[in-house]
């Protein structure tokens, strides 16, 4: 998935909602994502994957209007493959 969706992931996660809300270091997050893309698995790979899942969830709930904290910044780069049909 990382290889196929790389351009979309990199473009959208560079403005991560988690960063906007102060929950992560965006530089380190993207660095870890690039390592994963290149097949480098580290002790923090599972944390990275959990961070991506949380990011997608945050964007989805912001898109649906469930949360309104920094919604404009969060939705700026909404990921098409993360949008829920619920």
Protein backbone atom coordinates (compact mmCIF):
# COMPACT_ATOMS: atom_id res chain seq x y z
CA UNK A 1 0.00 0.00 0.00
CA UNK A 2 2.73 2.49 0.85
CA UNK A 3 4.34 2.17 -2.60
CA UNK A 4 1.04 2.43 -4.50
CA UNK A 5 -0.33 5.33 -2.46
CA UNK A 6 2.98 7.09 -1.80
CA UNK A 7 2.24 10.39 -3.58
CA UNK A 8 -1.14 10.73 -1.90
CA UNK A 9 0.19 9.71 1.51
CA UNK A 10 3.14 12.07 1.42
CA UNK A 11 1.12 15.03 0.15
CA UNK A 12 -1.67 14.60 2.67
CA UNK A 13 0.28 13.51 5.72
CA UNK A 14 2.68 16.43 5.44
CA UNK A 15 -0.19 18.54 6.80
CA UNK A 16 -1.25 15.92 9.32
CA UNK A 17 -4.12 16.67 11.68
CA UNK A 18 -2.06 15.06 14.42
CA UNK A 19 0.61 17.71 13.81
CA UNK A 20 -1.94 20.53 13.70
CA UNK A 21 -3.31 19.34 17.04
CA UNK A 22 0.21 19.03 18.49
CA UNK A 23 0.33 15.23 18.84
CA UNK A 24 3.35 14.47 16.67
CA UNK A 25 6.55 15.75 15.14
CA UNK A 26 5.65 16.04 11.44
CA UNK A 27 9.27 15.83 10.29
CA UNK A 28 9.87 12.57 12.15
CA UNK A 29 6.48 11.22 11.08
CA UNK A 30 7.28 11.74 7.37
CA UNK A 31 10.81 10.42 7.87
CA UNK A 32 9.40 7.21 9.38
CA UNK A 33 6.90 6.97 6.53
CA UNK A 34 9.75 7.24 3.99
CA UNK A 35 11.67 4.51 5.85
CA UNK A 36 8.62 2.26 5.65
CA UNK A 37 8.27 3.00 1.93
CA UNK A 38 11.90 1.91 1.48
CA UNK A 39 11.30 -1.33 3.37
CA UNK A 40 13.05 -0.26 6.56
CA UNK A 41 11.18 -1.66 9.55
CA UNK A 42 12.12 -0.28 12.94
CA UNK A 43 10.84 -0.63 16.48
CA UNK A 44 8.55 2.33 15.79
CA UNK A 45 6.89 0.91 12.65
CA UNK A 46 3.78 -0.18 14.54
CA UNK A 47 3.57 3.25 16.18
CA UNK A 48 3.77 4.81 12.71
CA UNK A 49 0.97 2.58 11.42
CA UNK A 50 -1.16 3.42 14.45
CA UNK A 51 -0.43 7.10 13.83
CA UNK A 52 -1.60 6.77 10.22
CA UNK A 53 -4.79 5.04 11.36
CA UNK A 54 -5.43 7.77 13.92
CA UNK A 55 -4.75 10.46 11.30
CA UNK A 56 -7.24 8.90 8.87
CA UNK A 57 -9.82 8.61 11.62
CA UNK A 58 -9.35 12.24 12.68
CA UNK A 59 -9.76 13.43 9.10
CA UNK A 60 -12.89 11.35 8.67
CA UNK A 61 -14.58 12.64 11.82
CA UNK A 62 -13.59 16.21 10.91
CA UNK A 63 -15.00 15.75 7.40
CA UNK A 64 -18.28 14.52 8.87
CA UNK A 65 -18.44 17.48 11.26
CA UNK A 66 -18.10 15.38 14.42
CA UNK A 67 -15.11 17.44 15.58
CA UNK A 68 -14.45 21.05 14.79
CA UNK A 69 -10.99 21.62 16.24
CA UNK A 70 -8.84 23.10 13.48
CA UNK A 71 -11.21 21.51 10.95
CA UNK A 72 -10.11 23.77 8.09
CA UNK A 73 -6.46 22.77 8.50
CA UNK A 74 -7.31 19.11 9.01
CA UNK A 75 -9.54 18.91 5.94
CA UNK A 76 -7.15 20.86 3.73
CA UNK A 77 -5.69 17.62 2.36
CA UNK A 78 -8.42 15.05 3.00
CA UNK A 79 -7.40 11.62 1.82
CA UNK A 80 -9.74 10.10 -0.71
CA UNK A 81 -9.09 6.52 0.36
CA UNK A 82 -9.85 7.29 4.02
CA UNK A 83 -13.34 8.64 3.61
CA UNK A 84 -15.95 6.55 5.30
CA UNK A 85 -19.30 5.82 3.75
CA UNK A 86 -20.87 5.75 7.22
